[in-house]
Amino acid sequence: MSIKVYSSIFAVLIGSTAFELAIIGQPLARNVLVTSVMGLAGIKALLVALFFQHLKDEPRSVSSLLLLGLVAAFILLTLSLLSIGALHGV
């Protein structure tokens, strides 16, 4: 894979991290904030796994298994963060 592709992916990762940091201080509802940050984190994890760990070149079964794990982790983390906020009245 060319350096241009890796540089583009790296730029997307840096940009999404900057966007995450920018929305943290915004007066948004907790649900919107948690969902946004978790969604961006999931996208970044997927990009790292696909391009920097070269999973996009693996058989479809391996990629599907990874995607299933990422979706499950995203759901569980989101539910955990939302329930913590509900318990503390945030």
PDB file of N, CA and C in Angstrom:
ATOM      1  N   MET A   1       0.851  -1.174   0.000  1.00  0.00           N
ATOM      2  CA  MET A   1       0.000   0.000   0.000  1.00  0.00           C
ATOM      3  C   MET A   1       0.898   1.238   0.000  1.00  0.00           C
ATOM      4  N   SER A   2       0.433   2.270  -0.638  1.00  0.00           N
ATOM      5  CA  SER A   2       1.260   3.466  -0.811  1.00  0.00           C
ATOM      6  C   SER A   2       1.256   4.345   0.442  1.00  0.00           C
ATOM      7  N   ILE A   3       2.258   5.160   0.518  1.00  0.00           N
ATOM      8  CA  ILE A   3       2.388   6.094   1.639  1.00  0.00           C
ATOM      9  C   ILE A   3       1.263   7.121   1.624  1.00  0.00           C
ATOM     10  N   LYS A   4       0.715   7.403   0.433  1.00  0.00           N
ATOM     11  CA  LYS A   4      -0.378   8.368   0.314  1.00  0.00           C
ATOM     12  C   LYS A   4      -1.630   7.858   1.043  1.00  0.00           C
ATOM     13  N   VAL A   5      -1.913   6.561   0.926  1.00  0.00           N
ATOM     14  CA  VAL A   5      -3.076   5.988   1.608  1.00  0.00           C
ATOM     15  C   VAL A   5      -2.875   6.038   3.115  1.00  0.00           C
ATOM     16  N   TYR A   6      -1.694   5.629   3.584  1.00  0.00           N
ATOM     17  CA  TYR A   6      -1.418   5.657   5.019  1.00  0.00           C
ATOM     18  C   TYR A   6      -1.459   7.076   5.570  1.00  0.00           C
ATOM     19  N   SER A   7      -0.958   8.019   4.813  1.00  0.00           N
ATOM     20  CA  SER A   7      -0.989   9.419   5.249  1.00  0.00           C
ATOM     21  C   SER A   7      -2.421   9.940   5.318  1.00  0.00           C
ATOM     22  N   SER A   8      -3.245   9.540   4.361  1.00  0.00           N
ATOM     23  CA  SER A   8      -4.654   9.956   4.368  1.00  0.00           C
ATOM     24  C   SER A   8      -5.395   9.390   5.568  1.00  0.00           C
ATOM     25  N   ILE A   9      -5.175   8.122   5.842  1.00  0.00           N
ATOM     26  CA  ILE A   9      -5.816   7.490   7.002  1.00  0.00           C
ATOM     27  C   ILE A   9      -5.347   8.169   8.284  1.00  0.00           C
ATOM     28  N   PHE A  10      -4.051   8.438   8.373  1.00  0.00           N
ATOM     29  CA  PHE A  10      -3.512   9.115   9.547  1.00  0.00           C
ATOM     30  C   PHE A  10      -4.144  10.496   9.712  1.00  0.00           C
ATOM     31  N   ALA A  11      -4.329  11.222   8.615  1.00  0.00           N
ATOM     32  CA  ALA A  11      -4.964  12.544   8.676  1.00  0.00           C
ATOM     33  C   ALA A  11      -6.408  12.443   9.161  1.00  0.00           C
ATOM     34  N   VAL A  12      -7.123  11.414   8.718  1.00  0.00           N
ATOM     35  CA  VAL A  12      -8.501  11.208   9.182  1.00  0.00           C
ATOM     36  C   VAL A  12      -8.507  10.914  10.678  1.00  0.00           C
ATOM     37  N   LEU A  13      -7.569  10.109  11.143  1.00  0.00           N
ATOM     38  CA  LEU A  13      -7.484   9.792  12.573  1.00  0.00           C
ATOM     39  C   LEU A  13      -7.190  11.047  13.402  1.00  0.00           C
ATOM     40  N   ILE A  14      -6.268  11.872  12.929  1.00  0.00           N
ATOM     41  CA  ILE A  14      -5.947  13.117  13.634  1.00  0.00           C
ATOM     42  C   ILE A  14      -7.152  14.059  13.622  1.00  0.00           C
ATOM     43  N   GLY A  15      -7.811  14.180  12.481  1.00  0.00           N
ATOM     44  CA  GLY A  15      -8.976  15.053  12.377  1.00  0.00           C
ATOM     45  C   GLY A  15     -10.123  14.616  13.266  1.00  0.00           C
ATOM     46  N   SER A  16     -10.379  13.320  13.321  1.00  0.00           N
ATOM     47  CA  SER A  16     -11.477  12.842  14.168  1.00  0.00           C
ATOM     48  C   SER A  16     -11.139  12.994  15.648  1.00  0.00           C
ATOM     49  N   THR A  17      -9.864  12.854  16.004  1.00  0.00           N
ATOM     50  CA  THR A  17      -9.461  13.094  17.391  1.00  0.00           C
ATOM     51  C   THR A  17      -9.643  14.567  17.754  1.00  0.00           C
ATOM     52  N   ALA A  18      -9.274  15.456  16.851  1.00  0.00           N
ATOM     53  CA  ALA A  18      -9.465  16.886  17.097  1.00  0.00           C
ATOM     54  C   ALA A  18     -10.954  17.219  17.229  1.00  0.00           C
ATOM     55  N   PHE A  19     -11.782  16.584  16.409  1.00  0.00           N
ATOM     56  CA  PHE A  19     -13.227  16.810  16.494  1.00  0.00           C
ATOM     57  C   PHE A  19     -13.778  16.307  17.824  1.00  0.00           C
ATOM     58  N   GLU A  20     -13.289  15.145  18.278  1.00  0.00           N
ATOM     59  CA  GLU A  20     -13.714  14.622  19.584  1.00  0.00           C
ATOM     60  C   GLU A  20     -13.382  15.618  20.686  1.00  0.00           C
ATOM     61  N   LEU A  21     -12.158  16.128  20.670  1.00  0.00           N
ATOM     62  CA  LEU A  21     -11.752  17.081  21.699  1.00  0.00           C
ATOM     63  C   LEU A  21     -12.557  18.365  21.621  1.00  0.00           C
ATOM     64  N   ALA A  22     -12.946  18.762  20.420  1.00  0.00           N
ATOM     65  CA  ALA A  22     -13.728  19.992  20.256  1.00  0.00           C
ATOM     66  C   ALA A  22     -15.150  19.849  20.788  1.00  0.00           C
ATOM     67  N   ILE A  23     -15.757  18.687  20.621  1.00  0.00           N
ATOM     68  CA  ILE A  23     -17.153  18.552  21.062  1.00  0.00           C
ATOM     69  C   ILE A  23     -17.268  18.228  22.548  1.00  0.00           C
ATOM     70  N   ILE A  24     -16.166  17.842  23.182  1.00  0.00           N
ATOM     71  CA  ILE A  24     -16.227  17.521  24.612  1.00  0.00           C
ATOM     72  C   ILE A  24     -16.687  18.729  25.426  1.00  0.00           C
ATOM     73  N   GLY A  25     -16.202  19.904  25.114  1.00  0.00           N
ATOM     74  CA  GLY A  25     -16.549  21.092  25.886  1.00  0.00           C
ATOM     75  C   GLY A  25     -17.850  21.761  25.484  1.00  0.00           C
ATOM     76  N   GLN A  26     -18.521  21.239  24.491  1.00  0.00           N
ATOM     77  CA  GLN A  26     -19.754  21.860  24.002  1.00  0.00           C
ATOM     78  C   GLN A  26     -20.934  21.512  24.921  1.00  0.00           C
ATOM     79  N   PRO A  27     -21.894  22.418  25.016  1.00  0.00           N
ATOM     80  CA  PRO A  27     -23.070  22.149  25.853  1.00  0.00           C
ATOM     81  C   PRO A  27     -24.068  21.227  25.126  1.00  0.00           C
ATOM     82  N   LEU A  28     -23.728  19.974  25.040  1.00  0.00           N
ATOM     83  CA  LEU A  28     -24.590  18.984  24.387  1.00  0.00           C
ATOM     84  C   LEU A  28     -25.187  18.067  25.441  1.00  0.00           C
ATOM     85  N   ALA A  29     -26.306  17.453  25.100  1.00  0.00           N
ATOM     86  CA  ALA A  29     -26.891  16.459  25.998  1.00  0.00           C
ATOM     87  C   ALA A  29     -25.910  15.299  26.154  1.00  0.00           C
ATOM     88  N   ARG A  30     -25.901  14.710  27.330  1.00  0.00           N
ATOM     89  CA  ARG A  30     -24.954  13.630  27.616  1.00  0.00           C
ATOM     90  C   ARG A  30     -25.108  12.483  26.622  1.00  0.00           C
ATOM     91  N   ASN A  31     -26.330  12.133  26.280  1.00  0.00           N
ATOM     92  CA  ASN A  31     -26.552  11.033  25.340  1.00  0.00           C
ATOM     93  C   ASN A  31     -25.924  11.324  23.977  1.00  0.00           C
ATOM     94  N   VAL A  32     -26.079  12.546  23.517  1.00  0.00           N
ATOM     95  CA  VAL A  32     -25.516  12.941  22.218  1.00  0.00           C
ATOM     96  C   VAL A  32     -23.995  12.919  22.289  1.00  0.00           C
ATOM     97  N   LEU A  33     -23.449  13.436  23.365  1.00  0.00           N
ATOM     98  CA  LEU A  33     -22.002  13.487  23.529  1.00  0.00           C
ATOM     99  C   LEU A  33     -21.400  12.087  23.590  1.00  0.00           C
ATOM    100  N   VAL A  34     -21.991  11.212  24.391  1.00  0.00           N
ATOM    101  CA  VAL A  34     -21.482   9.843  24.532  1.00  0.00           C
ATOM    102  C   VAL A  34     -21.580   9.102  23.208  1.00  0.00           C
ATOM    103  N   THR A  35     -22.702   9.218  22.537  1.00  0.00           N
ATOM    104  CA  THR A  35     -22.882   8.527  21.269  1.00  0.00           C
ATOM    105  C   THR A  35     -21.910   9.042  20.213  1.00  0.00           C
ATOM    106  N   SER A  36     -21.697  10.347  20.183  1.00  0.00           N
ATOM    107  CA  SER A  36     -20.773  10.927  19.206  1.00  0.00           C
ATOM    108  C   SER A  36     -19.341  10.475  19.444  1.00  0.00           C
ATOM    109  N   VAL A  37     -18.897  10.567  20.674  1.00  0.00           N
ATOM    110  CA  VAL A  37     -17.522  10.187  20.995  1.00  0.00           C
ATOM    111  C   VAL A  37     -17.315   8.683  20.777  1.00  0.00           C
ATOM    112  N   MET A  38     -18.275   7.877  21.169  1.00  0.00           N
ATOM    113  CA  MET A  38     -18.147   6.426  20.979  1.00  0.00           C
ATOM    114  C   MET A  38     -18.191   6.067  19.495  1.00  0.00           C
ATOM    115  N   GLY A  39     -19.005   6.762  18.730  1.00  0.00           N
ATOM    116  CA  GLY A  39     -19.053   6.506  17.294  1.00  0.00           C
ATOM    117  C   GLY A  39     -17.733   6.847  16.614  1.00  0.00           C
ATOM    118  N   LEU A  40     -17.171   7.985  16.971  1.00  0.00           N
ATOM    119  CA  LEU A  40     -15.876   8.364  16.411  1.00  0.00           C
ATOM    120  C   LEU A  40     -14.779   7.393  16.840  1.00  0.00           C
ATOM    121  N   ALA A  41     -14.820   6.958  18.081  1.00  0.00           N
ATOM    122  CA  ALA A  41     -13.828   5.989  18.556  1.00  0.00           C
ATOM    123  C   ALA A  41     -13.955   4.665  17.813  1.00  0.00           C
ATOM    124  N   GLY A  42     -15.172   4.256  17.532  1.00  0.00           N
ATOM    125  CA  GLY A  42     -15.383   3.021  16.774  1.00  0.00           C
ATOM    126  C   GLY A  42     -14.861   3.128  15.353  1.00  0.00           C
ATOM    127  N   ILE A  43     -15.093   4.263  14.733  1.00  0.00           N
ATOM    128  CA  ILE A  43     -14.594   4.478  13.371  1.00  0.00           C
ATOM    129  C   ILE A  43     -13.070   4.469  13.361  1.00  0.00           C
ATOM    130  N   LYS A  44     -12.463   5.120  14.353  1.00  0.00           N
ATOM    131  CA  LYS A  44     -11.003   5.148  14.422  1.00  0.00           C
ATOM    132  C   LYS A  44     -10.441   3.746  14.662  1.00  0.00           C
ATOM    133  N   ALA A  45     -11.074   2.975  15.525  1.00  0.00           N
ATOM    134  CA  ALA A  45     -10.617   1.608  15.778  1.00  0.00           C
ATOM    135  C   ALA A  45     -10.719   0.764  14.515  1.00  0.00           C
ATOM    136  N   LEU A  46     -11.789   0.939  13.781  1.00  0.00           N
ATOM    137  CA  LEU A  46     -11.969   0.198  12.536  1.00  0.00           C
ATOM    138  C   LEU A  46     -10.905   0.582  11.506  1.00  0.00           C
ATOM    139  N   LEU A  47     -10.614   1.851  11.370  1.00  0.00           N
ATOM    140  CA  LEU A  47      -9.583   2.291  10.429  1.00  0.00           C
ATOM    141  C   LEU A  47      -8.201   1.750  10.795  1.00  0.00           C
ATOM    142  N   VAL A  48      -7.878   1.791  12.079  1.00  0.00           N
ATOM    143  CA  VAL A  48      -6.584   1.263  12.522  1.00  0.00           C
ATOM    144  C   VAL A  48      -6.496  -0.230  12.239  1.00  0.00           C
ATOM    145  N   ALA A  49      -7.551  -0.952  12.567  1.00  0.00           N
ATOM    146  CA  ALA A  49      -7.540  -2.406  12.344  1.00  0.00           C
ATOM    147  C   ALA A  49      -7.457  -2.751  10.862  1.00  0.00           C
ATOM    148  N   LEU A  50      -8.199  -2.057  10.045  1.00  0.00           N
ATOM    149  CA  LEU A  50      -8.227  -2.384   8.620  1.00  0.00           C
ATOM    150  C   LEU A  50      -6.935  -2.034   7.906  1.00  0.00           C
ATOM    151  N   PHE A  51      -6.389  -0.849   8.189  1.00  0.00           N
ATOM    152  CA  PHE A  51      -5.252  -0.392   7.399  1.00  0.00           C
ATOM    153  C   PHE A  51      -3.905  -0.618   8.073  1.00  0.00           C
ATOM    154  N   PHE A  52      -3.789  -0.300   9.354  1.00  0.00           N
ATOM    155  CA  PHE A  52      -2.494  -0.411   9.994  1.00  0.00           C
ATOM    156  C   PHE A  52      -2.212  -1.826  10.502  1.00  0.00           C
ATOM    157  N   GLN A  53      -3.267  -2.616  10.740  1.00  0.00           N
ATOM    158  CA  GLN A  53      -3.076  -4.016  11.110  1.00  0.00           C
ATOM    159  C   GLN A  53      -3.366  -4.936   9.929  1.00  0.00           C
ATOM    160  N   HIS A  54      -3.624  -4.360   8.778  1.00  0.00           N
ATOM    161  CA  HIS A  54      -3.775  -5.060   7.500  1.00  0.00           C
ATOM    162  C   HIS A  54      -4.891  -6.112   7.504  1.00  0.00           C
ATOM    163  N   LEU A  55      -5.958  -5.857   8.243  1.00  0.00           N
ATOM    164  CA  LEU A  55      -7.069  -6.810   8.269  1.00  0.00           C
ATOM    165  C   LEU A  55      -7.921  -6.742   7.016  1.00  0.00           C
ATOM    166  N   LYS A  56      -7.792  -5.689   6.232  1.00  0.00           N
ATOM    167  CA  LYS A  56      -8.595  -5.618   5.011  1.00  0.00           C
ATOM    168  C   LYS A  56      -8.128  -6.635   3.979  1.00  0.00           C
ATOM    169  N   ASP A  57      -6.913  -7.151   4.138  1.00  0.00           N
ATOM    170  CA  ASP A  57      -6.387  -8.162   3.228  1.00  0.00           C
ATOM    171  C   ASP A  57      -6.653  -9.582   3.709  1.00  0.00           C
ATOM    172  N   GLU A  58      -7.254  -9.717   4.879  1.00  0.00           N
ATOM    173  CA  GLU A  58      -7.567 -11.042   5.430  1.00  0.00           C
ATOM    174  C   GLU A  58      -8.861 -11.576   4.806  1.00  0.00           C
ATOM    175  N   PRO A  59      -9.115 -12.876   4.986  1.00  0.00           N
ATOM    176  CA  PRO A  59     -10.386 -13.426   4.485  1.00  0.00           C
ATOM    177  C   PRO A  59     -11.590 -12.750   5.148  1.00  0.00           C
ATOM    178  N   ARG A  60     -12.708 -12.765   4.471  1.00  0.00           N
ATOM    179  CA  ARG A  60     -13.934 -12.108   4.941  1.00  0.00           C
ATOM    180  C   ARG A  60     -14.359 -12.615   6.323  1.00  0.00           C
ATOM    181  N   SER A  61     -14.139 -13.892   6.622  1.00  0.00           N
ATOM    182  CA  SER A  61     -14.562 -14.440   7.913  1.00  0.00           C
ATOM    183  C   SER A  61     -13.811 -13.781   9.069  1.00  0.00           C
ATOM    184  N   VAL A  62     -12.526 -13.517   8.894  1.00  0.00           N
ATOM    185  CA  VAL A  62     -11.742 -12.873   9.944  1.00  0.00           C
ATOM    186  C   VAL A  62     -12.213 -11.434  10.132  1.00  0.00           C
ATOM    187  N   SER A  63     -12.434 -10.726   9.044  1.00  0.00           N
ATOM    188  CA  SER A  63     -12.903  -9.344   9.115  1.00  0.00           C
ATOM    189  C   SER A  63     -14.292  -9.262   9.745  1.00  0.00           C
ATOM    190  N   SER A  64     -15.162 -10.203   9.430  1.00  0.00           N
ATOM    191  CA  SER A  64     -16.511 -10.214   9.999  1.00  0.00           C
ATOM    192  C   SER A  64     -16.468 -10.460  11.498  1.00  0.00           C
ATOM    193  N   LEU A  65     -15.589 -11.337  11.920  1.00  0.00           N
ATOM    194  CA  LEU A  65     -15.451 -11.624  13.343  1.00  0.00           C
ATOM    195  C   LEU A  65     -14.967 -10.385  14.092  1.00  0.00           C
ATOM    196  N   LEU A  66     -14.025  -9.668  13.521  1.00  0.00           N
ATOM    197  CA  LEU A  66     -13.532  -8.443  14.136  1.00  0.00           C
ATOM    198  C   LEU A  66     -14.635  -7.399  14.200  1.00  0.00           C
ATOM    199  N   LEU A  67     -15.382  -7.253  13.129  1.00  0.00           N
ATOM    200  CA  LEU A  67     -16.466  -6.279  13.102  1.00  0.00           C
ATOM    201  C   LEU A  67     -17.525  -6.602  14.153  1.00  0.00           C
ATOM    202  N   LEU A  68     -17.837  -7.865  14.321  1.00  0.00           N
ATOM    203  CA  LEU A  68     -18.796  -8.276  15.341  1.00  0.00           C
ATOM    204  C   LEU A  68     -18.292  -7.893  16.733  1.00  0.00           C
ATOM    205  N   GLY A  69     -17.017  -8.110  16.989  1.00  0.00           N
ATOM    206  CA  GLY A  69     -16.439  -7.731  18.276  1.00  0.00           C
ATOM    207  C   GLY A  69     -16.467  -6.232  18.513  1.00  0.00           C
ATOM    208  N   LEU A  70     -16.170  -5.460  17.473  1.00  0.00           N
ATOM    209  CA  LEU A  70     -16.208  -4.001  17.611  1.00  0.00           C
ATOM    210  C   LEU A  70     -17.618  -3.489  17.882  1.00  0.00           C
ATOM    211  N   VAL A  71     -18.589  -4.055  17.206  1.00  0.00           N
ATOM    212  CA  VAL A  71     -19.980  -3.643  17.424  1.00  0.00           C
ATOM    213  C   VAL A  71     -20.415  -3.988  18.846  1.00  0.00           C
ATOM    214  N   ALA A  72     -20.069  -5.181  19.312  1.00  0.00           N
ATOM    215  CA  ALA A  72     -20.428  -5.588  20.672  1.00  0.00           C
ATOM    216  C   ALA A  72     -19.754  -4.680  21.703  1.00  0.00           C
ATOM    217  N   ALA A  73     -18.481  -4.373  21.509  1.00  0.00           N
ATOM    218  CA  ALA A  73     -17.770  -3.494  22.441  1.00  0.00           C
ATOM    219  C   ALA A  73     -18.385  -2.098  22.445  1.00  0.00           C
ATOM    220  N   PHE A  74     -18.737  -1.598  21.263  1.00  0.00           N
ATOM    221  CA  PHE A  74     -19.364  -0.282  21.163  1.00  0.00           C
ATOM    222  C   PHE A  74     -20.681  -0.244  21.931  1.00  0.00           C
ATOM    223  N   ILE A  75     -21.506  -1.243  21.751  1.00  0.00           N
ATOM    224  CA  ILE A  75     -22.806  -1.291  22.437  1.00  0.00           C
ATOM    225  C   ILE A  75     -22.623  -1.374  23.943  1.00  0.00           C
ATOM    226  N   LEU A  76     -21.738  -2.251  24.392  1.00  0.00           N
ATOM    227  CA  LEU A  76     -21.535  -2.414  25.832  1.00  0.00           C
ATOM    228  C   LEU A  76     -20.936  -1.163  26.474  1.00  0.00           C
ATOM    229  N   LEU A  77     -19.974  -0.543  25.822  1.00  0.00           N
ATOM    230  CA  LEU A  77     -19.389   0.678  26.377  1.00  0.00           C
ATOM    231  C   LEU A  77     -20.388   1.825  26.406  1.00  0.00           C
ATOM    232  N   THR A  78     -21.175   1.958  25.364  1.00  0.00           N
ATOM    233  CA  THR A  78     -22.183   3.009  25.337  1.00  0.00           C
ATOM    234  C   THR A  78     -23.207   2.815  26.441  1.00  0.00           C
ATOM    235  N   LEU A  79     -23.686   1.595  26.602  1.00  0.00           N
ATOM    236  CA  LEU A  79     -24.646   1.316  27.673  1.00  0.00           C
ATOM    237  C   LEU A  79     -24.040   1.572  29.048  1.00  0.00           C
ATOM    238  N   SER A  80     -22.785   1.205  29.214  1.00  0.00           N
ATOM    239  CA  SER A  80     -22.112   1.436  30.494  1.00  0.00           C
ATOM    240  C   SER A  80     -21.990   2.921  30.794  1.00  0.00           C
ATOM    241  N   LEU A  81     -21.551   3.691  29.813  1.00  0.00           N
ATOM    242  CA  LEU A  81     -21.390   5.126  30.032  1.00  0.00           C
ATOM    243  C   LEU A  81     -22.730   5.819  30.270  1.00  0.00           C
ATOM    244  N   LEU A  82     -23.739   5.395  29.552  1.00  0.00           N
ATOM    245  CA  LEU A  82     -25.060   5.995  29.753  1.00  0.00           C
ATOM    246  C   LEU A  82     -25.632   5.627  31.116  1.00  0.00           C
ATOM    247  N   SER A  83     -25.404   4.411  31.578  1.00  0.00           N
ATOM    248  CA  SER A  83     -25.933   4.007  32.874  1.00  0.00           C
ATOM    249  C   SER A  83     -25.179   4.692  34.014  1.00  0.00           C
ATOM    250  N   ILE A  84     -23.890   4.929  33.836  1.00  0.00           N
ATOM    251  CA  ILE A  84     -23.140   5.660  34.850  1.00  0.00           C
ATOM    252  C   ILE A  84     -23.682   7.089  34.974  1.00  0.00           C
ATOM    253  N   GLY A  85     -23.970   7.698  33.832  1.00  0.00           N
ATOM    254  CA  GLY A  85     -24.536   9.041  33.843  1.00  0.00           C
ATOM    255  C   GLY A  85     -25.911   9.071  34.477  1.00  0.00           C
ATOM    256  N   ALA A  86     -26.718   8.044  34.240  1.00  0.00           N
ATOM    257  CA  ALA A  86     -28.061   7.972  34.810  1.00  0.00           C
ATOM    258  C   ALA A  86     -28.000   7.784  36.322  1.00  0.00           C
ATOM    259  N   LEU A  87     -27.020   7.023  36.783  1.00  0.00           N
ATOM    260  CA  LEU A  87     -26.885   6.792  38.228  1.00  0.00           C
ATOM    261  C   LEU A  87     -26.454   8.039  38.971  1.00  0.00           C
ATOM    262  N   HIS A  88     -25.664   8.849  38.335  1.00  0.00           N
ATOM    263  CA  HIS A  88     -25.142  10.047  38.998  1.00  0.00           C
ATOM    264  C   HIS A  88     -25.938  11.297  38.653  1.00  0.00           C
ATOM    265  N   GLY A  89     -27.048  11.134  37.964  1.00  0.00           N
ATOM    266  CA  GLY A  89     -27.901  12.262  37.650  1.00  0.00           C
ATOM    267  C   GLY A  89     -27.326  13.229  36.640  1.00  0.00           C
ATOM    268  N   VAL A  90     -26.440  12.746  35.785  1.00  0.00           N
ATOM    269  CA  VAL A  90     -25.818  13.634  34.793  1.00  0.00           C
ATOM    270  C   VAL A  90     -26.646  13.652  33.543  1.00  0.00           C
TER     271      VAL A  90
END
